[in-house]
């Protein structure tokens, strides 16, 4: 894992969890449990996917997409 990934990954996950908490009015424990179980998180924690390079706002939209449809689509 690169130093960049190791440094930014916790920041991205924390920001995403905070955005989900705020936008969906859920408690932090519920948000973290759901986020860690998501397909998005599985992609986020893999450096080679590059998903960790997207903004928190974009990742939140992808999280909502997964919750609503069960799928996640990314641009080519």
Protein backbone atom coordinates (compact mmCIF):
# COMPACT_ATOMS: atom_id res chain seq x y z
CA UNK A 1 0.00 0.00 0.00
CA UNK A 2 1.21 3.46 -0.84
CA UNK A 3 1.76 6.14 1.75
CA UNK A 4 -0.81 8.30 -0.03
CA UNK A 5 -3.47 5.60 0.26
CA UNK A 6 -2.62 4.85 3.90
CA UNK A 7 -2.87 8.53 4.72
CA UNK A 8 -6.08 9.36 2.87
CA UNK A 9 -8.12 6.19 3.40
CA UNK A 10 -9.08 6.90 7.05
CA UNK A 11 -9.90 10.52 6.16
CA UNK A 12 -12.18 9.47 3.31
CA UNK A 13 -13.97 6.82 5.39
CA UNK A 14 -14.42 9.21 8.30
CA UNK A 15 -15.77 11.94 6.01
CA UNK A 16 -18.11 9.52 4.28
CA UNK A 17 -19.42 8.16 7.59
CA UNK A 18 -20.00 11.69 8.83
CA UNK A 19 -21.88 12.63 5.64
CA UNK A 20 -24.09 9.53 5.87
CA UNK A 21 -24.77 10.26 9.54
CA UNK A 22 -25.78 13.83 8.77
CA UNK A 23 -27.73 13.22 5.57
CA UNK A 24 -29.64 10.19 6.81
CA UNK A 25 -30.05 11.19 10.46
CA UNK A 26 -28.62 7.91 11.70
CA UNK A 27 -26.44 7.19 14.70
CA UNK A 28 -22.74 6.64 14.10
CA UNK A 29 -22.78 2.97 15.13
CA UNK A 30 -25.50 2.13 12.60
CA UNK A 31 -23.74 4.08 9.87
CA UNK A 32 -20.40 2.39 10.47
CA UNK A 33 -21.95 -1.08 10.59
CA UNK A 34 -23.78 -0.48 7.29
CA UNK A 35 -20.83 1.21 5.61
CA UNK A 36 -18.37 -1.55 6.57
CA UNK A 37 -20.80 -4.16 5.18
CA UNK A 38 -21.26 -2.33 1.86
CA UNK A 39 -19.82 -3.19 -1.53
CA UNK A 40 -18.60 0.40 -1.72
CA UNK A 41 -16.44 -0.05 1.36
CA UNK A 42 -15.00 -3.26 -0.05
CA UNK A 43 -13.98 -1.31 -3.16
CA UNK A 44 -12.71 1.64 -1.12
CA UNK A 45 -10.32 -0.46 0.92
CA UNK A 46 -8.67 -1.86 -2.21
CA UNK A 47 -6.08 0.67 -3.33
CA UNK A 48 -5.92 -0.65 -6.89
CA UNK A 49 -9.60 0.17 -7.59
CA UNK A 50 -8.89 3.90 -7.31
CA UNK A 51 -12.30 4.43 -5.68
CA UNK A 52 -10.59 6.12 -2.72
CA UNK A 53 -9.64 9.02 -5.02
CA UNK A 54 -13.25 10.19 -5.44
CA UNK A 55 -14.71 12.97 -3.30
CA UNK A 56 -16.76 12.25 -0.21
CA UNK A 57 -19.83 13.78 -1.90
CA UNK A 58 -19.44 11.49 -4.92
CA UNK A 59 -18.87 8.45 -2.71
CA UNK A 60 -22.01 9.34 -0.75
CA UNK A 61 -23.99 9.33 -4.02
CA UNK A 62 -22.51 5.91 -4.86
CA UNK A 63 -23.41 4.68 -1.36
CA UNK A 64 -27.01 5.83 -1.83
CA UNK A 65 -27.07 4.15 -5.25
CA UNK A 66 -25.96 0.88 -3.67
CA UNK A 67 -28.58 1.12 -0.91
CA UNK A 68 -31.36 1.95 -3.37
CA UNK A 69 -30.48 -0.43 -6.22
CA UNK A 70 -27.99 -2.94 -4.86
CA UNK A 71 -25.58 -1.85 -7.60
CA UNK A 72 -22.77 0.67 -7.95
CA UNK A 73 -21.82 2.17 -11.29
CA UNK A 74 -18.68 4.16 -11.96
CA UNK A 75 -17.70 6.07 -15.07
CA UNK A 76 -15.18 4.41 -17.36
